[in-house]
Amino acid sequence: MRIALGFYFIFEICIVILAVISYVFWDKRYRKNHGLDIPKGFEKTEEITIDPSDGRRLRVYYNNRTGERFYHEEKSNS
């Protein structure tokens, strides 16, 4: 019985650690590479992403040299 309780306690701690790590690192691809000023070397693409959390339209810019993507918020037409 003590082994089962010990395993349960360790399992719960692992779940909490995983939750914290997920919260810190989850889906930063849009937040990391977007802003107001488009960096040099980035070309406008026809790709537009709509952020599901708040409905913002993000235009994708691409750097041919590095393969990096940059997301620029567009004003909505409505």
PDB file of N, CA and C in Angstrom:
ATOM      1  N   MET A   1       0.817  -1.197   0.000  1.00  0.00           N
ATOM      2  CA  MET A   1       0.000   0.000   0.000  1.00  0.00           C
ATOM      3  C   MET A   1       0.865   1.267   0.000  1.00  0.00           C
ATOM      4  N   ARG A   2       1.966   1.257   0.758  1.00  0.00           N
ATOM      5  CA  ARG A   2       2.851   2.425   0.807  1.00  0.00           C
ATOM      6  C   ARG A   2       3.508   2.669  -0.541  1.00  0.00           C
ATOM      7  N   ILE A   3       3.811   1.594  -1.258  1.00  0.00           N
ATOM      8  CA  ILE A   3       4.432   1.739  -2.581  1.00  0.00           C
ATOM      9  C   ILE A   3       3.440   2.394  -3.540  1.00  0.00           C
ATOM     10  N   ALA A   4       2.178   1.984  -3.463  1.00  0.00           N
ATOM     11  CA  ALA A   4       1.152   2.566  -4.338  1.00  0.00           C
ATOM     12  C   ALA A   4       0.956   4.047  -4.035  1.00  0.00           C
ATOM     13  N   LEU A   5       0.944   4.412  -2.760  1.00  0.00           N
ATOM     14  CA  LEU A   5       0.793   5.821  -2.398  1.00  0.00           C
ATOM     15  C   LEU A   5       2.008   6.636  -2.837  1.00  0.00           C
ATOM     16  N   GLY A   6       3.201   6.073  -2.694  1.00  0.00           N
ATOM     17  CA  GLY A   6       4.425   6.753  -3.134  1.00  0.00           C
ATOM     18  C   GLY A   6       4.427   6.968  -4.636  1.00  0.00           C
ATOM     19  N   PHE A   7       4.017   5.930  -5.378  1.00  0.00           N
ATOM     20  CA  PHE A   7       3.942   6.052  -6.828  1.00  0.00           C
ATOM     21  C   PHE A   7       2.923   7.119  -7.219  1.00  0.00           C
ATOM     22  N   TYR A   8       1.779   7.140  -6.556  1.00  0.00           N
ATOM     23  CA  TYR A   8       0.738   8.120  -6.838  1.00  0.00           C
ATOM     24  C   TYR A   8       1.249   9.542  -6.579  1.00  0.00           C
ATOM     25  N   PHE A   9       1.954   9.736  -5.481  1.00  0.00           N
ATOM     26  CA  PHE A   9       2.499  11.048  -5.143  1.00  0.00           C
ATOM     27  C   PHE A   9       3.516  11.506  -6.192  1.00  0.00           C
ATOM     28  N   ILE A  10       4.402  10.623  -6.607  1.00  0.00           N
ATOM     29  CA  ILE A  10       5.404  10.954  -7.635  1.00  0.00           C
ATOM     30  C   ILE A  10       4.716  11.253  -8.961  1.00  0.00           C
ATOM     31  N   PHE A  11       3.685  10.475  -9.289  1.00  0.00           N
ATOM     32  CA  PHE A  11       2.937  10.685 -10.519  1.00  0.00           C
ATOM     33  C   PHE A  11       2.274  12.065 -10.524  1.00  0.00           C
ATOM     34  N   GLU A  12       1.677  12.461  -9.427  1.00  0.00           N
ATOM     35  CA  GLU A  12       1.038  13.766  -9.316  1.00  0.00           C
ATOM     36  C   GLU A  12       2.052  14.901  -9.463  1.00  0.00           C
ATOM     37  N   ILE A  13       3.218  14.754  -8.880  1.00  0.00           N
ATOM     38  CA  ILE A  13       4.273  15.765  -9.019  1.00  0.00           C
ATOM     39  C   ILE A  13       4.714  15.878 -10.474  1.00  0.00           C
ATOM     40  N   CYS A  14       4.844  14.757 -11.157  1.00  0.00           N
ATOM     41  CA  CYS A  14       5.223  14.774 -12.573  1.00  0.00           C
ATOM     42  C   CYS A  14       4.167  15.483 -13.418  1.00  0.00           C
ATOM     43  N   ILE A  15       2.901  15.270 -13.119  1.00  0.00           N
ATOM     44  CA  ILE A  15       1.826  15.940 -13.850  1.00  0.00           C
ATOM     45  C   ILE A  15       1.903  17.456 -13.650  1.00  0.00           C
ATOM     46  N   VAL A  16       2.154  17.894 -12.434  1.00  0.00           N
ATOM     47  CA  VAL A  16       2.254  19.328 -12.152  1.00  0.00           C
ATOM     48  C   VAL A  16       3.457  19.919 -12.883  1.00  0.00           C
ATOM     49  N   ILE A  17       4.590  19.238 -12.859  1.00  0.00           N
ATOM     50  CA  ILE A  17       5.789  19.717 -13.558  1.00  0.00           C
ATOM     51  C   ILE A  17       5.524  19.803 -15.056  1.00  0.00           C
ATOM     52  N   LEU A  18       4.885  18.799 -15.625  1.00  0.00           N
ATOM     53  CA  LEU A  18       4.556  18.807 -17.049  1.00  0.00           C
ATOM     54  C   LEU A  18       3.613  19.958 -17.387  1.00  0.00           C
ATOM     55  N   ALA A  19       2.653  20.229 -16.521  1.00  0.00           N
ATOM     56  CA  ALA A  19       1.721  21.333 -16.748  1.00  0.00           C
ATOM     57  C   ALA A  19       2.452  22.677 -16.744  1.00  0.00           C
ATOM     58  N   VAL A  20       3.362  22.862 -15.812  1.00  0.00           N
ATOM     59  CA  VAL A  20       4.114  24.122 -15.738  1.00  0.00           C
ATOM     60  C   VAL A  20       5.000  24.288 -16.972  1.00  0.00           C
ATOM     61  N   ILE A  21       5.687  23.234 -17.366  1.00  0.00           N
ATOM     62  CA  ILE A  21       6.552  23.296 -18.554  1.00  0.00           C
ATOM     63  C   ILE A  21       5.716  23.593 -19.794  1.00  0.00           C
ATOM     64  N   SER A  22       4.561  22.947 -19.920  1.00  0.00           N
ATOM     65  CA  SER A  22       3.692  23.185 -21.071  1.00  0.00           C
ATOM     66  C   SER A  22       3.213  24.631 -21.115  1.00  0.00           C
ATOM     67  N   TYR A  23       2.861  25.168 -19.977  1.00  0.00           N
ATOM     68  CA  TYR A  23       2.388  26.553 -19.919  1.00  0.00           C
ATOM     69  C   TYR A  23       3.490  27.531 -20.333  1.00  0.00           C
ATOM     70  N   VAL A  24       4.714  27.263 -19.911  1.00  0.00           N
ATOM     71  CA  VAL A  24       5.824  28.175 -20.197  1.00  0.00           C
ATOM     72  C   VAL A  24       6.232  28.121 -21.665  1.00  0.00           C
ATOM     73  N   PHE A  25       6.237  26.936 -22.262  1.00  0.00           N
ATOM     74  CA  PHE A  25       6.770  26.781 -23.611  1.00  0.00           C
ATOM     75  C   PHE A  25       5.719  26.551 -24.689  1.00  0.00           C
ATOM     76  N   TRP A  26       4.465  26.509 -24.349  1.00  0.00           N
ATOM     77  CA  TRP A  26       3.418  26.122 -25.303  1.00  0.00           C
ATOM     78  C   TRP A  26       3.227  27.143 -26.415  1.00  0.00           C
ATOM     79  N   ASP A  27       3.347  26.691 -27.643  1.00  0.00           N
ATOM     80  CA  ASP A  27       2.977  27.424 -28.851  1.00  0.00           C
ATOM     81  C   ASP A  27       3.447  28.875 -28.880  1.00  0.00           C
ATOM     82  N   LYS A  28       4.743  29.078 -28.803  1.00  0.00           N
ATOM     83  CA  LYS A  28       5.288  30.437 -28.847  1.00  0.00           C
ATOM     84  C   LYS A  28       5.648  30.857 -30.267  1.00  0.00           C
ATOM     85  N   ARG A  29       5.295  30.048 -31.256  1.00  0.00           N
ATOM     86  CA  ARG A  29       5.710  30.386 -32.615  1.00  0.00           C
ATOM     87  C   ARG A  29       5.121  31.698 -33.093  1.00  0.00           C
ATOM     88  N   TYR A  30       3.908  32.055 -32.650  1.00  0.00           N
ATOM     89  CA  TYR A  30       3.318  33.322 -33.079  1.00  0.00           C
ATOM     90  C   TYR A  30       3.825  34.485 -32.239  1.00  0.00           C
ATOM     91  N   ARG A  31       4.013  34.262 -30.957  1.00  0.00           N
ATOM     92  CA  ARG A  31       4.452  35.350 -30.083  1.00  0.00           C
ATOM     93  C   ARG A  31       5.913  35.701 -30.306  1.00  0.00           C
ATOM     94  N   LYS A  32       6.728  34.711 -30.603  1.00  0.00           N
ATOM     95  CA  LYS A  32       8.161  34.948 -30.762  1.00  0.00           C
ATOM     96  C   LYS A  32       8.469  35.753 -32.026  1.00  0.00           C
ATOM     97  N   ASN A  33       7.781  35.444 -33.099  1.00  0.00           N
ATOM     98  CA  ASN A  33       8.122  36.032 -34.395  1.00  0.00           C
ATOM     99  C   ASN A  33       7.027  36.941 -34.928  1.00  0.00           C
ATOM    100  N   HIS A  34       6.557  37.857 -34.111  1.00  0.00           N
ATOM    101  CA  HIS A  34       5.637  38.839 -34.660  1.00  0.00           C
ATOM    102  C   HIS A  34       5.812  40.159 -33.937  1.00  0.00           C
ATOM    103  N   GLY A  35       5.432  41.198 -34.623  1.00  0.00           N
ATOM    104  CA  GLY A  35       5.597  42.526 -34.054  1.00  0.00           C
ATOM    105  C   GLY A  35       5.084  43.588 -35.002  1.00  0.00           C
ATOM    106  N   LEU A  36       5.470  44.812 -34.749  1.00  0.00           N
ATOM    107  CA  LEU A  36       4.980  45.936 -35.542  1.00  0.00           C
ATOM    108  C   LEU A  36       5.842  46.218 -36.763  1.00  0.00           C
ATOM    109  N   ASP A  37       7.145  46.066 -36.624  1.00  0.00           N
ATOM    110  CA  ASP A  37       8.069  46.377 -37.716  1.00  0.00           C
ATOM    111  C   ASP A  37       8.559  45.094 -38.365  1.00  0.00           C
ATOM    112  N   ILE A  38       8.456  45.052 -39.688  1.00  0.00           N
ATOM    113  CA  ILE A  38       8.901  43.880 -40.434  1.00  0.00           C
ATOM    114  C   ILE A  38      10.413  43.968 -40.599  1.00  0.00           C
ATOM    115  N   PRO A  39      11.147  42.946 -40.151  1.00  0.00           N
ATOM    116  CA  PRO A  39      12.609  42.995 -40.249  1.00  0.00           C
ATOM    117  C   PRO A  39      13.092  42.962 -41.693  1.00  0.00           C
ATOM    118  N   LYS A  40      14.293  43.445 -41.902  1.00  0.00           N
ATOM    119  CA  LYS A  40      14.897  43.427 -43.234  1.00  0.00           C
ATOM    120  C   LYS A  40      15.092  41.986 -43.688  1.00  0.00           C
ATOM    121  N   GLY A  41      14.924  41.772 -44.988  1.00  0.00           N
ATOM    122  CA  GLY A  41      15.140  40.457 -45.572  1.00  0.00           C
ATOM    123  C   GLY A  41      13.895  39.588 -45.615  1.00  0.00           C
ATOM    124  N   PHE A  42      12.782  40.064 -45.088  1.00  0.00           N
ATOM    125  CA  PHE A  42      11.550  39.283 -45.085  1.00  0.00           C
ATOM    126  C   PHE A  42      10.657  39.739 -46.229  1.00  0.00           C
ATOM    127  N   GLU A  43      10.087  38.762 -46.948  1.00  0.00           N
ATOM    128  CA  GLU A  43       9.216  39.036 -48.082  1.00  0.00           C
ATOM    129  C   GLU A  43       7.784  38.666 -47.726  1.00  0.00           C
ATOM    130  N   LYS A  44       6.849  39.480 -48.186  1.00  0.00           N
ATOM    131  CA  LYS A  44       5.427  39.238 -47.927  1.00  0.00           C
ATOM    132  C   LYS A  44       4.959  38.000 -48.700  1.00  0.00           C
ATOM    133  N   THR A  45       4.189  37.146 -48.042  1.00  0.00           N
ATOM    134  CA  THR A  45       3.581  35.995 -48.704  1.00  0.00           C
ATOM    135  C   THR A  45       2.075  36.222 -48.765  1.00  0.00           C
ATOM    136  N   GLU A  46       1.377  35.345 -49.450  1.00  0.00           N
ATOM    137  CA  GLU A  46      -0.079  35.425 -49.529  1.00  0.00           C
ATOM    138  C   GLU A  46      -0.747  34.681 -48.372  1.00  0.00           C
ATOM    139  N   GLU A  47       0.052  34.105 -47.494  1.00  0.00           N
ATOM    140  CA  GLU A  47      -0.483  33.327 -46.380  1.00  0.00           C
ATOM    141  C   GLU A  47      -0.952  34.250 -45.247  1.00  0.00           C
ATOM    142  N   ILE A  48      -2.167  34.029 -44.787  1.00  0.00           N
ATOM    143  CA  ILE A  48      -2.720  34.760 -43.657  1.00  0.00           C
ATOM    144  C   ILE A  48      -3.206  33.733 -42.637  1.00  0.00           C
ATOM    145  N   THR A  49      -2.818  33.923 -41.397  1.00  0.00           N
ATOM    146  CA  THR A  49      -3.239  33.047 -40.315  1.00  0.00           C
ATOM    147  C   THR A  49      -4.174  33.829 -39.408  1.00  0.00           C
ATOM    148  N   ILE A  50      -5.273  33.200 -39.029  1.00  0.00           N
ATOM    149  CA  ILE A  50      -6.193  33.831 -38.087  1.00  0.00           C
ATOM    150  C   ILE A  50      -5.984  33.177 -36.731  1.00  0.00           C
ATOM    151  N   ASP A  51      -5.600  33.972 -35.756  1.00  0.00           N
ATOM    152  CA  ASP A  51      -5.337  33.481 -34.404  1.00  0.00           C
ATOM    153  C   ASP A  51      -6.659  33.029 -33.781  1.00  0.00           C
ATOM    154  N   PRO A  52      -6.791  31.745 -33.433  1.00  0.00           N
ATOM    155  CA  PRO A  52      -8.061  31.254 -32.901  1.00  0.00           C
ATOM    156  C   PRO A  52      -8.405  31.808 -31.519  1.00  0.00           C
ATOM    157  N   SER A  53      -7.431  32.278 -30.785  1.00  0.00           N
ATOM    158  CA  SER A  53      -7.711  32.747 -29.427  1.00  0.00           C
ATOM    159  C   SER A  53      -8.365  34.124 -29.409  1.00  0.00           C
ATOM    160  N   ASP A  54      -8.025  34.992 -30.388  1.00  0.00           N
ATOM    161  CA  ASP A  54      -8.606  36.336 -30.367  1.00  0.00           C
ATOM    162  C   ASP A  54      -9.040  36.845 -31.739  1.00  0.00           C
ATOM    163  N   GLY A  55      -8.916  36.033 -32.789  1.00  0.00           N
ATOM    164  CA  GLY A  55      -9.399  36.403 -34.113  1.00  0.00           C
ATOM    165  C   GLY A  55      -8.529  37.370 -34.887  1.00  0.00           C
ATOM    166  N   ARG A  56      -7.306  37.642 -34.405  1.00  0.00           N
ATOM    167  CA  ARG A  56      -6.410  38.563 -35.125  1.00  0.00           C
ATOM    168  C   ARG A  56      -5.930  37.919 -36.424  1.00  0.00           C
ATOM    169  N   ARG A  57      -5.781  38.750 -37.459  1.00  0.00           N
ATOM    170  CA  ARG A  57      -5.240  38.289 -38.744  1.00  0.00           C
ATOM    171  C   ARG A  57      -3.738  38.549 -38.759  1.00  0.00           C
ATOM    172  N   LEU A  58      -2.966  37.510 -38.995  1.00  0.00           N
ATOM    173  CA  LEU A  58      -1.512  37.636 -39.025  1.00  0.00           C
ATOM    174  C   LEU A  58      -1.007  37.289 -40.421  1.00  0.00           C
ATOM    175  N   ARG A  59      -0.379  38.260 -41.074  1.00  0.00           N
ATOM    176  CA  ARG A  59       0.230  38.044 -42.386  1.00  0.00           C
ATOM    177  C   ARG A  59       1.593  37.396 -42.180  1.00  0.00           C
ATOM    178  N   VAL A  60       1.913  36.418 -43.001  1.00  0.00           N
ATOM    179  CA  VAL A  60       3.180  35.708 -42.880  1.00  0.00           C
ATOM    180  C   VAL A  60       4.202  36.332 -43.825  1.00  0.00           C
ATOM    181  N   TYR A  61       5.370  36.654 -43.289  1.00  0.00           N
ATOM    182  CA  TYR A  61       6.515  37.110 -44.076  1.00  0.00           C
ATOM    183  C   TYR A  61       7.590  36.048 -43.967  1.00  0.00           C
ATOM    184  N   TYR A  62       8.343  35.853 -45.050  1.00  0.00           N
ATOM    185  CA  TYR A  62       9.313  34.756 -45.120  1.00  0.00           C
ATOM    186  C   TYR A  62      10.686  35.283 -45.499  1.00  0.00           C
ATOM    187  N   ASN A  63      11.712  34.766 -44.822  1.00  0.00           N
ATOM    188  CA  ASN A  63      13.094  35.118 -45.143  1.00  0.00           C
ATOM    189  C   ASN A  63      13.699  33.961 -45.925  1.00  0.00           C
ATOM    190  N   ASN A  64      13.961  34.166 -47.212  1.00  0.00           N
ATOM    191  CA  ASN A  64      14.501  33.107 -48.064  1.00  0.00           C
ATOM    192  C   ASN A  64      15.871  32.625 -47.609  1.00  0.00           C
ATOM    193  N   ARG A  65      16.656  33.530 -47.046  1.00  0.00           N
ATOM    194  CA  ARG A  65      18.028  33.182 -46.649  1.00  0.00           C
ATOM    195  C   ARG A  65      18.059  32.247 -45.441  1.00  0.00           C
ATOM    196  N   THR A  66      17.211  32.506 -44.455  1.00  0.00           N
ATOM    197  CA  THR A  66      17.255  31.724 -43.214  1.00  0.00           C
ATOM    198  C   THR A  66      16.102  30.726 -43.081  1.00  0.00           C
ATOM    199  N   GLY A  67      15.034  30.913 -43.870  1.00  0.00           N
ATOM    200  CA  GLY A  67      13.868  30.048 -43.748  1.00  0.00           C
ATOM    201  C   GLY A  67      12.947  30.445 -42.600  1.00  0.00           C
ATOM    202  N   GLU A  68      13.262  31.552 -41.957  1.00  0.00           N
ATOM    203  CA  GLU A  68      12.491  32.013 -40.806  1.00  0.00           C
ATOM    204  C   GLU A  68      11.204  32.681 -41.261  1.00  0.00           C
ATOM    205  N   ARG A  69      10.170  32.565 -40.426  1.00  0.00           N
ATOM    206  CA  ARG A  69       8.879  33.189 -40.702  1.00  0.00           C
ATOM    207  C   ARG A  69       8.631  34.295 -39.690  1.00  0.00           C
ATOM    208  N   PHE A  70       7.916  35.323 -40.137  1.00  0.00           N
ATOM    209  CA  PHE A  70       7.583  36.453 -39.278  1.00  0.00           C
ATOM    210  C   PHE A  70       6.102  36.739 -39.440  1.00  0.00           C
ATOM    211  N   TYR A  71       5.395  36.946 -38.344  1.00  0.00           N
ATOM    212  CA  TYR A  71       3.956  37.166 -38.368  1.00  0.00           C
ATOM    213  C   TYR A  71       3.660  38.627 -38.032  1.00  0.00           C
ATOM    214  N   HIS A  72       2.996  39.308 -38.961  1.00  0.00           N
ATOM    215  CA  HIS A  72       2.668  40.728 -38.787  1.00  0.00           C
ATOM    216  C   HIS A  72       1.155  40.859 -38.719  1.00  0.00           C
ATOM    217  N   GLU A  73       0.667  41.533 -37.678  1.00  0.00           N
ATOM    218  CA  GLU A  73      -0.780  41.693 -37.515  1.00  0.00           C
ATOM    219  C   GLU A  73      -1.316  42.667 -38.553  1.00  0.00           C
ATOM    220  N   GLU A  74      -2.363  42.231 -39.259  1.00  0.00           N
ATOM    221  CA  GLU A  74      -3.027  43.081 -40.246  1.00  0.00           C
ATOM    222  C   GLU A  74      -4.296  43.653 -39.651  1.00  0.00           C
ATOM    223  N   LYS A  75      -4.651  44.831 -40.120  1.00  0.00           N
ATOM    224  CA  LYS A  75      -5.925  45.421 -39.716  1.00  0.00           C
ATOM    225  C   LYS A  75      -7.039  44.677 -40.445  1.00  0.00           C
ATOM    226  N   SER A  76      -8.128  44.410 -39.753  1.00  0.00           N
ATOM    227  CA  SER A  76      -9.238  43.713 -40.383  1.00  0.00           C
ATOM    228  C   SER A  76      -9.994  44.662 -41.306  1.00  0.00           C
ATOM    229  N   ASN A  77     -10.598  44.107 -42.350  1.00  0.00           N
ATOM    230  CA  ASN A  77     -11.314  44.902 -43.341  1.00  0.00           C
ATOM    231  C   ASN A  77     -12.747  45.205 -42.913  1.00  0.00           C
ATOM    232  N   SER A  78     -13.214  44.603 -41.841  1.00  0.00           N
ATOM    233  CA  SER A  78     -14.603  44.815 -41.444  1.00  0.00           C
ATOM    234  C   SER A  78     -14.762  45.976 -40.491  1.00  0.00           C
TER     235      SER A  78
END
